[in-house]
PDB file of N, CA and C in Angstrom:
ATOM      1  N   MET A   1       5.697 -44.666-132.986  1.00  0.00           N
ATOM      2  CA  MET A   1       5.135 -43.351-133.216  1.00  0.00           C
ATOM      3  C   MET A   1       5.651 -42.387-132.151  1.00  0.00           C
ATOM      4  N   ILE A   2       5.300 -41.147-132.294  1.00  0.00           N
ATOM      5  CA  ILE A   2       5.776 -40.116-131.380  1.00  0.00           C
ATOM      6  C   ILE A   2       4.851 -40.045-130.169  1.00  0.00           C
ATOM      7  N   PRO A   3       5.423 -40.112-128.973  1.00  0.00           N
ATOM      8  CA  PRO A   3       4.589 -39.990-127.769  1.00  0.00           C
ATOM      9  C   PRO A   3       3.815 -38.669-127.768  1.00  0.00           C
ATOM     10  N   HIS A   4       2.611 -38.710-127.234  1.00  0.00           N
ATOM     11  CA  HIS A   4       1.741 -37.526-127.201  1.00  0.00           C
ATOM     12  C   HIS A   4       2.440 -36.338-126.532  1.00  0.00           C
ATOM     13  N   SER A   5       3.141 -36.585-125.441  1.00  0.00           N
ATOM     14  CA  SER A   5       3.817 -35.487-124.736  1.00  0.00           C
ATOM     15  C   SER A   5       4.895 -34.847-125.621  1.00  0.00           C
ATOM     16  N   ASP A   6       5.595 -35.661-126.395  1.00  0.00           N
ATOM     17  CA  ASP A   6       6.606 -35.121-127.306  1.00  0.00           C
ATOM     18  C   ASP A   6       5.950 -34.317-128.426  1.00  0.00           C
ATOM     19  N   LEU A   7       4.841 -34.819-128.943  1.00  0.00           N
ATOM     20  CA  LEU A   7       4.125 -34.119-130.004  1.00  0.00           C
ATOM     21  C   LEU A   7       3.651 -32.745-129.506  1.00  0.00           C
ATOM     22  N   GLU A   8       3.139 -32.712-128.285  1.00  0.00           N
ATOM     23  CA  GLU A   8       2.705 -31.436-127.704  1.00  0.00           C
ATOM     24  C   GLU A   8       3.892 -30.491-127.524  1.00  0.00           C
ATOM     25  N   ALA A   9       5.031 -31.026-127.112  1.00  0.00           N
ATOM     26  CA  ALA A   9       6.230 -30.201-126.943  1.00  0.00           C
ATOM     27  C   ALA A   9       6.691 -29.629-128.288  1.00  0.00           C
ATOM     28  N   LEU A  10       6.600 -30.430-129.342  1.00  0.00           N
ATOM     29  CA  LEU A  10       6.963 -29.941-130.671  1.00  0.00           C
ATOM     30  C   LEU A  10       6.018 -28.829-131.122  1.00  0.00           C
ATOM     31  N   LYS A  11       4.742 -29.008-130.862  1.00  0.00           N
ATOM     32  CA  LYS A  11       3.743 -28.005-131.257  1.00  0.00           C
ATOM     33  C   LYS A  11       3.954 -26.682-130.529  1.00  0.00           C
ATOM     34  N   SER A  12       4.372 -26.735-129.286  1.00  0.00           N
ATOM     35  CA  SER A  12       4.489 -25.509-128.491  1.00  0.00           C
ATOM     36  C   SER A  12       5.928 -25.002-128.373  1.00  0.00           C
ATOM     37  N   PHE A  13       6.868 -25.608-129.081  1.00  0.00           N
ATOM     38  CA  PHE A  13       8.275 -25.229-128.968  1.00  0.00           C
ATOM     39  C   PHE A  13       8.476 -23.764-129.346  1.00  0.00           C
ATOM     40  N   ASP A  14       9.200 -23.034-128.511  1.00  0.00           N
ATOM     41  CA  ASP A  14       9.493 -21.623-128.738  1.00  0.00           C
ATOM     42  C   ASP A  14      10.867 -21.492-129.392  1.00  0.00           C
ATOM     43  N   THR A  15      10.887 -21.111-130.657  1.00  0.00           N
ATOM     44  CA  THR A  15      12.153 -20.964-131.380  1.00  0.00           C
ATOM     45  C   THR A  15      12.856 -19.649-131.044  1.00  0.00           C
ATOM     46  N   ARG A  16      12.184 -18.788-130.300  1.00  0.00           N
ATOM     47  CA  ARG A  16      12.725 -17.471-129.933  1.00  0.00           C
ATOM     48  C   ARG A  16      13.170 -16.691-131.178  1.00  0.00           C
ATOM     49  N   GLY A  17      12.365 -16.812-132.227  1.00  0.00           N
ATOM     50  CA  GLY A  17      12.651 -16.092-133.459  1.00  0.00           C
ATOM     51  C   GLY A  17      13.624 -16.789-134.389  1.00  0.00           C
ATOM     52  N   SER A  18      14.082 -17.977-134.028  1.00  0.00           N
ATOM     53  CA  SER A  18      15.010 -18.722-134.862  1.00  0.00           C
ATOM     54  C   SER A  18      14.250 -19.607-135.855  1.00  0.00           C
ATOM     55  N   ILE A  19      14.993 -20.297-136.661  1.00  0.00           N
ATOM     56  CA  ILE A  19      14.431 -21.174-137.677  1.00  0.00           C
ATOM     57  C   ILE A  19      14.202 -22.572-137.097  1.00  0.00           C
ATOM     58  N   ALA A  20      13.059 -23.139-137.423  1.00  0.00           N
ATOM     59  CA  ALA A  20      12.747 -24.526-137.049  1.00  0.00           C
ATOM     60  C   ALA A  20      12.726 -25.347-138.332  1.00  0.00           C
ATOM     61  N   LEU A  21      13.465 -26.442-138.326  1.00  0.00           N
ATOM     62  CA  LEU A  21      13.519 -27.327-139.481  1.00  0.00           C
ATOM     63  C   LEU A  21      12.771 -28.616-139.148  1.00  0.00           C
ATOM     64  N   SER A  22      11.840 -28.983-140.015  1.00  0.00           N
ATOM     65  CA  SER A  22      11.106 -30.244-139.880  1.00  0.00           C
ATOM     66  C   SER A  22      11.367 -31.048-141.143  1.00  0.00           C
ATOM     67  N   ALA A  23      11.803 -32.276-140.973  1.00  0.00           N
ATOM     68  CA  ALA A  23      12.084 -33.127-142.130  1.00  0.00           C
ATOM     69  C   ALA A  23      11.392 -34.465-141.955  1.00  0.00           C
ATOM     70  N   TYR A  24      10.784 -34.919-143.012  1.00  0.00           N
ATOM     71  CA  TYR A  24      10.150 -36.236-143.047  1.00  0.00           C
ATOM     72  C   TYR A  24      10.798 -37.001-144.189  1.00  0.00           C
ATOM     73  N   LEU A  25      11.337 -38.163-143.865  1.00  0.00           N
ATOM     74  CA  LEU A  25      12.064 -38.938-144.857  1.00  0.00           C
ATOM     75  C   LEU A  25      11.445 -40.314-145.034  1.00  0.00           C
ATOM     76  N   ARG A  26      11.135 -40.639-146.258  1.00  0.00           N
ATOM     77  CA  ARG A  26      10.595 -41.958-146.567  1.00  0.00           C
ATOM     78  C   ARG A  26      11.768 -42.923-146.723  1.00  0.00           C
ATOM     79  N   LEU A  27      11.718 -44.041-145.980  1.00  0.00           N
ATOM     80  CA  LEU A  27      12.844 -44.975-145.937  1.00  0.00           C
ATOM     81  C   LEU A  27      12.404 -46.429-146.114  1.00  0.00           C
ATOM     82  N   ASP A  28      11.279 -46.651-146.751  1.00  0.00           N
ATOM     83  CA  ASP A  28      10.698 -47.988-146.788  1.00  0.00           C
ATOM     84  C   ASP A  28      11.252 -48.906-147.871  1.00  0.00           C
ATOM     85  N   THR A  29      12.122 -48.403-148.728  1.00  0.00           N
ATOM     86  CA  THR A  29      12.735 -49.255-149.748  1.00  0.00           C
ATOM     87  C   THR A  29      14.242 -49.027-149.746  1.00  0.00           C
ATOM     88  N   PRO A  30      15.006 -49.970-150.288  1.00  0.00           N
ATOM     89  CA  PRO A  30      16.460 -49.752-150.371  1.00  0.00           C
ATOM     90  C   PRO A  30      16.812 -48.475-151.149  1.00  0.00           C
ATOM     91  N   GLU A  31      16.051 -48.162-152.173  1.00  0.00           N
ATOM     92  CA  GLU A  31      16.306 -46.957-152.965  1.00  0.00           C
ATOM     93  C   GLU A  31      16.077 -45.693-152.136  1.00  0.00           C
ATOM     94  N   HIS A  32      14.982 -45.681-151.370  1.00  0.00           N
ATOM     95  CA  HIS A  32      14.717 -44.511-150.531  1.00  0.00           C
ATOM     96  C   HIS A  32      15.797 -44.344-149.470  1.00  0.00           C
ATOM     97  N   ARG A  33      16.231 -45.453-148.865  1.00  0.00           N
ATOM     98  CA  ARG A  33      17.288 -45.370-147.848  1.00  0.00           C
ATOM     99  C   ARG A  33      18.594 -44.879-148.461  1.00  0.00           C
ATOM    100  N   ALA A  34      18.905 -45.368-149.661  1.00  0.00           N
ATOM    101  CA  ALA A  34      20.170 -45.013-150.302  1.00  0.00           C
ATOM    102  C   ALA A  34      20.229 -43.539-150.696  1.00  0.00           C
ATOM    103  N   THR A  35      19.090 -42.954-151.007  1.00  0.00           N
ATOM    104  CA  THR A  35      19.081 -41.562-151.476  1.00  0.00           C
ATOM    105  C   THR A  35      18.560 -40.581-150.422  1.00  0.00           C
ATOM    106  N   ALA A  36      18.291 -41.035-149.217  1.00  0.00           N
ATOM    107  CA  ALA A  36      17.690 -40.179-148.190  1.00  0.00           C
ATOM    108  C   ALA A  36      18.523 -38.929-147.924  1.00  0.00           C
ATOM    109  N   TYR A  37      19.813 -39.086-147.737  1.00  0.00           N
ATOM    110  CA  TYR A  37      20.657 -37.938-147.412  1.00  0.00           C
ATOM    111  C   TYR A  37      20.699 -36.944-148.576  1.00  0.00           C
ATOM    112  N   GLU A  38      20.920 -37.435-149.785  1.00  0.00           N
ATOM    113  CA  GLU A  38      21.007 -36.553-150.941  1.00  0.00           C
ATOM    114  C   GLU A  38      19.693 -35.810-151.173  1.00  0.00           C
ATOM    115  N   ARG A  39      18.591 -36.511-151.017  1.00  0.00           N
ATOM    116  CA  ARG A  39      17.277 -35.888-151.196  1.00  0.00           C
ATOM    117  C   ARG A  39      17.040 -34.827-150.111  1.00  0.00           C
ATOM    118  N   PHE A  40      17.416 -35.138-148.878  1.00  0.00           N
ATOM    119  CA  PHE A  40      17.290 -34.185-147.779  1.00  0.00           C
ATOM    120  C   PHE A  40      18.086 -32.909-148.086  1.00  0.00           C
ATOM    121  N   VAL A  41      19.338 -33.056-148.489  1.00  0.00           N
ATOM    122  CA  VAL A  41      20.187 -31.897-148.791  1.00  0.00           C
ATOM    123  C   VAL A  41      19.574 -31.067-149.916  1.00  0.00           C
ATOM    124  N   GLN A  42      19.062 -31.738-150.939  1.00  0.00           N
ATOM    125  CA  GLN A  42      18.442 -31.023-152.052  1.00  0.00           C
ATOM    126  C   GLN A  42      17.247 -30.193-151.574  1.00  0.00           C
ATOM    127  N   LEU A  43      16.413 -30.778-150.736  1.00  0.00           N
ATOM    128  CA  LEU A  43      15.235 -30.072-150.235  1.00  0.00           C
ATOM    129  C   LEU A  43      15.614 -28.901-149.327  1.00  0.00           C
ATOM    130  N   VAL A  44      16.653 -29.078-148.509  1.00  0.00           N
ATOM    131  CA  VAL A  44      17.095 -27.976-147.643  1.00  0.00           C
ATOM    132  C   VAL A  44      17.686 -26.849-148.490  1.00  0.00           C
ATOM    133  N   GLN A  45      18.440 -27.204-149.505  1.00  0.00           N
ATOM    134  CA  GLN A  45      18.994 -26.173-150.391  1.00  0.00           C
ATOM    135  C   GLN A  45      17.869 -25.349-151.009  1.00  0.00           C
ATOM    136  N   ASP A  46      16.783 -26.010-151.382  1.00  0.00           N
ATOM    137  CA  ASP A  46      15.623 -25.297-151.921  1.00  0.00           C
ATOM    138  C   ASP A  46      15.057 -24.331-150.880  1.00  0.00           C
ATOM    139  N   ARG A  47      15.072 -24.720-149.618  1.00  0.00           N
ATOM    140  CA  ARG A  47      14.518 -23.897-148.542  1.00  0.00           C
ATOM    141  C   ARG A  47      15.424 -22.711-148.191  1.00  0.00           C
ATOM    142  N   LEU A  48      16.706 -22.804-148.521  1.00  0.00           N
ATOM    143  CA  LEU A  48      17.610 -21.688-148.240  1.00  0.00           C
ATOM    144  C   LEU A  48      17.123 -20.412-148.915  1.00  0.00           C
ATOM    145  N   GLU A  49      16.449 -20.557-150.050  1.00  0.00           N
ATOM    146  CA  GLU A  49      15.918 -19.391-150.750  1.00  0.00           C
ATOM    147  C   GLU A  49      14.897 -18.651-149.893  1.00  0.00           C
ATOM    148  N   GLU A  50      14.192 -19.378-149.022  1.00  0.00           N
ATOM    149  CA  GLU A  50      13.197 -18.753-148.158  1.00  0.00           C
ATOM    150  C   GLU A  50      13.834 -17.821-147.136  1.00  0.00           C
ATOM    151  N   CYS A  51      15.129 -18.000-146.884  1.00  0.00           N
ATOM    152  CA  CYS A  51      15.836 -17.121-145.957  1.00  0.00           C
ATOM    153  C   CYS A  51      16.101 -15.756-146.571  1.00  0.00           C
ATOM    154  N   GLY A  52      16.076 -15.682-147.890  1.00  0.00           N
ATOM    155  CA  GLY A  52      16.411 -14.422-148.543  1.00  0.00           C
ATOM    156  C   GLY A  52      17.842 -14.033-148.213  1.00  0.00           C
ATOM    157  N   PRO A  53      18.089 -12.744-148.024  1.00  0.00           N
ATOM    158  CA  PRO A  53      19.459 -12.302-147.750  1.00  0.00           C
ATOM    159  C   PRO A  53      19.860 -12.396-146.273  1.00  0.00           C
ATOM    160  N   ASP A  54      19.007 -12.925-145.426  1.00  0.00           N
ATOM    161  CA  ASP A  54      19.261 -12.977-143.983  1.00  0.00           C
ATOM    162  C   ASP A  54      20.373 -13.990-143.659  1.00  0.00           C
ATOM    163  N   PRO A  55      21.570 -13.511-143.296  1.00  0.00           N
ATOM    164  CA  PRO A  55      22.679 -14.437-143.025  1.00  0.00           C
ATOM    165  C   PRO A  55      22.441 -15.316-141.795  1.00  0.00           C
ATOM    166  N   GLU A  56      21.738 -14.792-140.786  1.00  0.00           N
ATOM    167  CA  GLU A  56      21.467 -15.607-139.591  1.00  0.00           C
ATOM    168  C   GLU A  56      20.573 -16.792-139.935  1.00  0.00           C
ATOM    169  N   CYS A  57      19.587 -16.563-140.762  1.00  0.00           N
ATOM    170  CA  CYS A  57      18.695 -17.636-141.202  1.00  0.00           C
ATOM    171  C   CYS A  57      19.488 -18.695-141.961  1.00  0.00           C
ATOM    172  N   ARG A  58      20.307 -18.249-142.889  1.00  0.00           N
ATOM    173  CA  ARG A  58      21.105 -19.177-143.693  1.00  0.00           C
ATOM    174  C   ARG A  58      22.060 -19.993-142.821  1.00  0.00           C
ATOM    175  N   GLU A  59      22.707 -19.334-141.868  1.00  0.00           N
ATOM    176  CA  GLU A  59      23.640 -20.029-140.980  1.00  0.00           C
ATOM    177  C   GLU A  59      22.916 -21.054-140.112  1.00  0.00           C
ATOM    178  N   ALA A  60      21.762 -20.674-139.581  1.00  0.00           N
ATOM    179  CA  ALA A  60      21.003 -21.595-138.736  1.00  0.00           C
ATOM    180  C   ALA A  60      20.546 -22.806-139.537  1.00  0.00           C
ATOM    181  N   LEU A  61      20.057 -22.567-140.732  1.00  0.00           N
ATOM    182  CA  LEU A  61      19.592 -23.662-141.574  1.00  0.00           C
ATOM    183  C   LEU A  61      20.753 -24.566-141.996  1.00  0.00           C
ATOM    184  N   GLN A  62      21.884 -23.968-142.276  1.00  0.00           N
ATOM    185  CA  GLN A  62      23.073 -24.748-142.627  1.00  0.00           C
ATOM    186  C   GLN A  62      23.493 -25.626-141.445  1.00  0.00           C
ATOM    187  N   GLU A  63      23.440 -25.075-140.240  1.00  0.00           N
ATOM    188  CA  GLU A  63      23.801 -25.844-139.047  1.00  0.00           C
ATOM    189  C   GLU A  63      22.826 -27.008-138.838  1.00  0.00           C
ATOM    190  N   ASP A  64      21.528 -26.738-139.007  1.00  0.00           N
ATOM    191  CA  ASP A  64      20.538 -27.817-138.912  1.00  0.00           C
ATOM    192  C   ASP A  64      20.823 -28.898-139.948  1.00  0.00           C
ATOM    193  N   MET A  65      21.137 -28.485-141.161  1.00  0.00           N
ATOM    194  CA  MET A  65      21.412 -29.435-142.228  1.00  0.00           C
ATOM    195  C   MET A  65      22.615 -30.320-141.876  1.00  0.00           C
ATOM    196  N   GLU A  66      23.636 -29.734-141.286  1.00  0.00           N
ATOM    197  CA  GLU A  66      24.820 -30.504-140.911  1.00  0.00           C
ATOM    198  C   GLU A  66      24.508 -31.523-139.817  1.00  0.00           C
ATOM    199  N   VAL A  67      23.717 -31.116-138.822  1.00  0.00           N
ATOM    200  CA  VAL A  67      23.366 -32.028-137.733  1.00  0.00           C
ATOM    201  C   VAL A  67      22.546 -33.204-138.266  1.00  0.00           C
ATOM    202  N   VAL A  68      21.541 -32.897-139.058  1.00  0.00           N
ATOM    203  CA  VAL A  68      20.699 -33.953-139.633  1.00  0.00           C
ATOM    204  C   VAL A  68      21.533 -34.839-140.560  1.00  0.00           C
ATOM    205  N   GLY A  69      22.382 -34.224-141.346  1.00  0.00           N
ATOM    206  CA  GLY A  69      23.241 -34.983-142.256  1.00  0.00           C
ATOM    207  C   GLY A  69      24.135 -35.957-141.512  1.00  0.00           C
ATOM    208  N   PHE A  70      24.731 -35.507-140.422  1.00  0.00           N
ATOM    209  CA  PHE A  70      25.575 -36.388-139.621  1.00  0.00           C
ATOM    210  C   PHE A  70      24.774 -37.580-139.103  1.00  0.00           C
ATOM    211  N   TYR A  71      23.579 -37.312-138.612  1.00  0.00           N
ATOM    212  CA  TYR A  71      22.708 -38.377-138.108  1.00  0.00           C
ATOM    213  C   TYR A  71      22.384 -39.379-139.214  1.00  0.00           C
ATOM    214  N   LEU A  72      22.019 -38.886-140.377  1.00  0.00           N
ATOM    215  CA  LEU A  72      21.651 -39.778-141.473  1.00  0.00           C
ATOM    216  C   LEU A  72      22.848 -40.590-141.968  1.00  0.00           C
ATOM    217  N   LYS A  73      24.005 -39.975-142.000  1.00  0.00           N
ATOM    218  CA  LYS A  73      25.194 -40.676-142.476  1.00  0.00           C
ATOM    219  C   LYS A  73      25.675 -41.743-141.498  1.00  0.00           C
ATOM    220  N   THR A  74      25.390 -41.573-140.218  1.00  0.00           N
ATOM    221  CA  THR A  74      25.925 -42.502-139.231  1.00  0.00           C
ATOM    222  C   THR A  74      24.963 -43.630-138.879  1.00  0.00           C
ATOM    223  N   ASN A  75      23.739 -43.303-138.452  1.00  0.00           N
ATOM    224  CA  ASN A  75      22.859 -44.392-138.022  1.00  0.00           C
ATOM    225  C   ASN A  75      21.387 -44.063-138.096  1.00  0.00           C
ATOM    226  N   GLY A  76      21.028 -42.975-138.703  1.00  0.00           N
ATOM    227  CA  GLY A  76      19.677 -42.487-138.583  1.00  0.00           C
ATOM    228  C   GLY A  76      18.613 -43.109-139.439  1.00  0.00           C
ATOM    229  N   HIS A  77      18.957 -44.068-140.267  1.00  0.00           N
ATOM    230  CA  HIS A  77      17.894 -44.590-141.128  1.00  0.00           C
ATOM    231  C   HIS A  77      18.122 -46.052-141.471  1.00  0.00           C
ATOM    232  N   ARG A  78      18.281 -46.837-140.455  1.00  0.00           N
ATOM    233  CA  ARG A  78      18.595 -48.242-140.679  1.00  0.00           C
ATOM    234  C   ARG A  78      17.383 -49.136-140.915  1.00  0.00           C
ATOM    235  N   HIS A  79      16.394 -49.085-140.035  1.00  0.00           N
ATOM    236  CA  HIS A  79      15.338 -50.096-140.084  1.00  0.00           C
ATOM    237  C   HIS A  79      13.934 -49.532-139.903  1.00  0.00           C
ATOM    238  N   HIS A  80      13.680 -48.377-140.435  1.00  0.00           N
ATOM    239  CA  HIS A  80      12.376 -47.764-140.234  1.00  0.00           C
ATOM    240  C   HIS A  80      11.728 -47.455-141.580  1.00  0.00           C
ATOM    241  N   ALA A  81      10.416 -47.408-141.601  1.00  0.00           N
ATOM    242  CA  ALA A  81       9.691 -47.061-142.828  1.00  0.00           C
ATOM    243  C   ALA A  81       9.859 -45.582-143.155  1.00  0.00           C
ATOM    244  N   ALA A  82      10.022 -44.780-142.097  1.00  0.00           N
ATOM    245  CA  ALA A  82      10.192 -43.339-142.283  1.00  0.00           C
ATOM    246  C   ALA A  82      10.820 -42.742-141.033  1.00  0.00           C
ATOM    247  N   LEU A  83      11.188 -41.492-141.152  1.00  0.00           N
ATOM    248  CA  LEU A  83      11.828 -40.797-140.053  1.00  0.00           C
ATOM    249  C   LEU A  83      11.320 -39.367-140.031  1.00  0.00           C
ATOM    250  N   ALA A  84      10.983 -38.875-138.844  1.00  0.00           N
ATOM    251  CA  ALA A  84      10.615 -37.476-138.656  1.00  0.00           C
ATOM    252  C   ALA A  84      11.721 -36.830-137.830  1.00  0.00           C
ATOM    253  N   ILE A  85      12.245 -35.721-138.324  1.00  0.00           N
ATOM    254  CA  ILE A  85      13.354 -35.044-137.662  1.00  0.00           C
ATOM    255  C   ILE A  85      12.969 -33.583-137.431  1.00  0.00           C
ATOM    256  N   PHE A  86      13.263 -33.105-136.222  1.00  0.00           N
ATOM    257  CA  PHE A  86      12.971 -31.727-135.856  1.00  0.00           C
ATOM    258  C   PHE A  86      14.239 -31.114-135.282  1.00  0.00           C
ATOM    259  N   SER A  87      14.654 -29.985-135.839  1.00  0.00           N
ATOM    260  CA  SER A  87      15.899 -29.376-135.404  1.00  0.00           C
ATOM    261  C   SER A  87      15.762 -27.859-135.353  1.00  0.00           C
ATOM    262  N   CYS A  88      16.308 -27.305-134.289  1.00  0.00           N
ATOM    263  CA  CYS A  88      16.431 -25.851-134.154  1.00  0.00           C
ATOM    264  C   CYS A  88      17.805 -25.616-133.526  1.00  0.00           C
ATOM    265  N   ALA A  89      18.811 -25.535-134.372  1.00  0.00           N
ATOM    266  CA  ALA A  89      20.190 -25.437-133.900  1.00  0.00           C
ATOM    267  C   ALA A  89      20.407 -24.232-132.989  1.00  0.00           C
ATOM    268  N   ALA A  90      19.775 -23.126-133.297  1.00  0.00           N
ATOM    269  CA  ALA A  90      19.959 -21.915-132.494  1.00  0.00           C
ATOM    270  C   ALA A  90      19.517 -22.110-131.051  1.00  0.00           C
ATOM    271  N   GLU A  91      18.557 -23.001-130.829  1.00  0.00           N
ATOM    272  CA  GLU A  91      18.071 -23.280-129.471  1.00  0.00           C
ATOM    273  C   GLU A  91      18.566 -24.637-128.959  1.00  0.00           C
ATOM    274  N   LEU A  92      19.540 -25.205-129.652  1.00  0.00           N
ATOM    275  CA  LEU A  92      20.140 -26.496-129.277  1.00  0.00           C
ATOM    276  C   LEU A  92      19.077 -27.584-129.111  1.00  0.00           C
ATOM    277  N   PHE A  93      18.136 -27.612-130.046  1.00  0.00           N
ATOM    278  CA  PHE A  93      17.052 -28.585-130.002  1.00  0.00           C
ATOM    279  C   PHE A  93      17.181 -29.536-131.175  1.00  0.00           C
ATOM    280  N   TRP A  94      17.044 -30.818-130.869  1.00  0.00           N
ATOM    281  CA  TRP A  94      17.166 -31.860-131.894  1.00  0.00           C
ATOM    282  C   TRP A  94      16.360 -33.074-131.473  1.00  0.00           C
ATOM    283  N   ARG A  95      15.504 -33.579-132.335  1.00  0.00           N
ATOM    284  CA  ARG A  95      14.767 -34.815-132.072  1.00  0.00           C
ATOM    285  C   ARG A  95      14.604 -35.578-133.380  1.00  0.00           C
ATOM    286  N   ALA A  96      14.704 -36.881-133.305  1.00  0.00           N
ATOM    287  CA  ALA A  96      14.436 -37.747-134.455  1.00  0.00           C
ATOM    288  C   ALA A  96      13.546 -38.880-133.978  1.00  0.00           C
ATOM    289  N   TYR A  97      12.522 -39.164-134.752  1.00  0.00           N
ATOM    290  CA  TYR A  97      11.556 -40.206-134.393  1.00  0.00           C
ATOM    291  C   TYR A  97      11.368 -41.168-135.554  1.00  0.00           C
ATOM    292  N   PRO A  98      11.572 -42.460-135.319  1.00  0.00           N
ATOM    293  CA  PRO A  98      11.246 -43.430-136.364  1.00  0.00           C
ATOM    294  C   PRO A  98       9.726 -43.518-136.500  1.00  0.00           C
ATOM    295  N   LEU A  99       9.277 -43.672-137.718  1.00  0.00           N
ATOM    296  CA  LEU A  99       7.848 -43.796-137.986  1.00  0.00           C
ATOM    297  C   LEU A  99       7.552 -45.170-138.578  1.00  0.00           C
ATOM    298  N   PRO A 100       6.452 -45.792-138.181  1.00  0.00           N
ATOM    299  CA  PRO A 100       6.149 -47.150-138.639  1.00  0.00           C
ATOM    300  C   PRO A 100       5.597 -47.225-140.057  1.00  0.00           C
ATOM    301  N   MET A 101       5.116 -46.102-140.585  1.00  0.00           N
ATOM    302  CA  MET A 101       4.535 -46.076-141.922  1.00  0.00           C
ATOM    303  C   MET A 101       5.293 -45.075-142.786  1.00  0.00           C
ATOM    304  N   PRO A 102       5.423 -45.347-144.081  1.00  0.00           N
ATOM    305  CA  PRO A 102       6.098 -44.390-144.967  1.00  0.00           C
ATOM    306  C   PRO A 102       5.327 -43.070-145.038  1.00  0.00           C
ATOM    307  N   VAL A 103       6.067 -41.996-145.137  1.00  0.00           N
ATOM    308  CA  VAL A 103       5.502 -40.666-145.364  1.00  0.00           C
ATOM    309  C   VAL A 103       6.269 -40.057-146.540  1.00  0.00           C
ATOM    310  N   PRO A 104       5.657 -39.137-147.251  1.00  0.00           N
ATOM    311  CA  PRO A 104       6.395 -38.494-148.349  1.00  0.00           C
ATOM    312  C   PRO A 104       7.588 -37.716-147.813  1.00  0.00           C
ATOM    313  N   THR A 105       8.691 -37.774-148.524  1.00  0.00           N
ATOM    314  CA  THR A 105       9.874 -37.010-148.146  1.00  0.00           C
ATOM    315  C   THR A 105       9.579 -35.530-148.355  1.00  0.00           C
ATOM    316  N   GLN A 106       9.805 -34.749-147.304  1.00  0.00           N
ATOM    317  CA  GLN A 106       9.555 -33.311-147.371  1.00  0.00           C
ATOM    318  C   GLN A 106      10.338 -32.590-146.283  1.00  0.00           C
ATOM    319  N   VAL A 107      10.614 -31.323-146.527  1.00  0.00           N
ATOM    320  CA  VAL A 107      11.316 -30.486-145.565  1.00  0.00           C
ATOM    321  C   VAL A 107      10.542 -29.179-145.432  1.00  0.00           C
ATOM    322  N   ALA A 108      10.327 -28.759-144.198  1.00  0.00           N
ATOM    323  CA  ALA A 108       9.664 -27.480-143.934  1.00  0.00           C
ATOM    324  C   ALA A 108      10.564 -26.637-143.046  1.00  0.00           C
ATOM    325  N   VAL A 109      10.569 -25.342-143.305  1.00  0.00           N
ATOM    326  CA  VAL A 109      11.356 -24.390-142.537  1.00  0.00           C
ATOM    327  C   VAL A 109      10.427 -23.257-142.135  1.00  0.00           C
ATOM    328  N   GLY A 110      10.508 -22.860-140.877  1.00  0.00           N
ATOM    329  CA  GLY A 110       9.655 -21.763-140.436  1.00  0.00           C
ATOM    330  C   GLY A 110       9.891 -21.402-138.999  1.00  0.00           C
ATOM    331  N   SER A 111       8.951 -20.675-138.440  1.00  0.00           N
ATOM    332  CA  SER A 111       9.074 -20.222-137.054  1.00  0.00           C
ATOM    333  C   SER A 111       8.552 -21.262-136.066  1.00  0.00           C
ATOM    334  N   ALA A 112       7.999 -22.359-136.595  1.00  0.00           N
ATOM    335  CA  ALA A 112       7.492 -23.455-135.754  1.00  0.00           C
ATOM    336  C   ALA A 112       7.706 -24.764-136.494  1.00  0.00           C
ATOM    337  N   PHE A 113       7.707 -25.855-135.758  1.00  0.00           N
ATOM    338  CA  PHE A 113       7.849 -27.173-136.381  1.00  0.00           C
ATOM    339  C   PHE A 113       6.574 -27.540-137.127  1.00  0.00           C
ATOM    340  N   ASP A 114       6.731 -28.203-138.246  1.00  0.00           N
ATOM    341  CA  ASP A 114       5.598 -28.671-139.043  1.00  0.00           C
ATOM    342  C   ASP A 114       5.246 -30.090-138.591  1.00  0.00           C
ATOM    343  N   VAL A 115       4.206 -30.217-137.787  1.00  0.00           N
ATOM    344  CA  VAL A 115       3.786 -31.531-137.302  1.00  0.00           C
ATOM    345  C   VAL A 115       2.533 -32.027-138.017  1.00  0.00           C
ATOM    346  N   ALA A 116       2.065 -31.271-139.009  1.00  0.00           N
ATOM    347  CA  ALA A 116       0.848 -31.664-139.742  1.00  0.00           C
ATOM    348  C   ALA A 116       0.935 -33.062-140.355  1.00  0.00           C
ATOM    349  N   PRO A 117       2.070 -33.457-140.942  1.00  0.00           N
ATOM    350  CA  PRO A 117       2.125 -34.814-141.488  1.00  0.00           C
ATOM    351  C   PRO A 117       1.912 -35.905-140.429  1.00  0.00           C
ATOM    352  N   LEU A 118       2.244 -35.621-139.195  1.00  0.00           N
ATOM    353  CA  LEU A 118       2.037 -36.597-138.124  1.00  0.00           C
ATOM    354  C   LEU A 118       0.559 -36.707-137.790  1.00  0.00           C
ATOM    355  N   SER A 119      -0.136 -35.600-137.820  1.00  0.00           N
ATOM    356  CA  SER A 119      -1.577 -35.611-137.555  1.00  0.00           C
ATOM    357  C   SER A 119      -2.315 -36.371-138.633  1.00  0.00           C
ATOM    358  N   GLU A 120      -1.896 -36.163-139.886  1.00  0.00           N
ATOM    359  CA  GLU A 120      -2.514 -36.861-141.007  1.00  0.00           C
ATOM    360  C   GLU A 120      -2.234 -38.354-140.908  1.00  0.00           C
ATOM    361  N   ASP A 121      -1.011 -38.675-140.479  1.00  0.00           N
ATOM    362  CA  ASP A 121      -0.591 -40.071-140.387  1.00  0.00           C
ATOM    363  C   ASP A 121      -1.348 -40.833-139.301  1.00  0.00           C
ATOM    364  N   SER A 122      -1.617 -40.148-138.183  1.00  0.00           N
ATOM    365  CA  SER A 122      -2.266 -40.829-137.072  1.00  0.00           C
ATOM    366  C   SER A 122      -3.775 -40.894-137.248  1.00  0.00           C
ATOM    367  N   GLY A 123      -4.271 -40.166-138.273  1.00  0.00           N
ATOM    368  CA  GLY A 123      -5.639 -40.230-138.690  1.00  0.00           C
ATOM    369  C   GLY A 123      -6.605 -39.978-137.624  1.00  0.00           C
TER     370      GLY A 123
END
């Protein structure tokens, strides 16, 4: 699980007006692992609409997508039930945490990281 100090840092992270990407990927079956990257890309593409015509938002989100994609393609989802990823490319921030229990695959984009699924998970 995510250390308490890291969780607090995620909650208070200052994006300085940039985009924060939070991704939760379910990886508990061979099918989920095999489709994790494609599903992630699909969800991020859906979120690009939230940027509207803002080119800086689109560029930042695209950069986050590339960083996460590289991680997933290389070694990011080998032996975990799930993965929580937090990225803010504009502030050179990147964290990935393996999770012991499956979580629904989802992507959130905003001015802060979405840590609500972690709170629900830790009950």
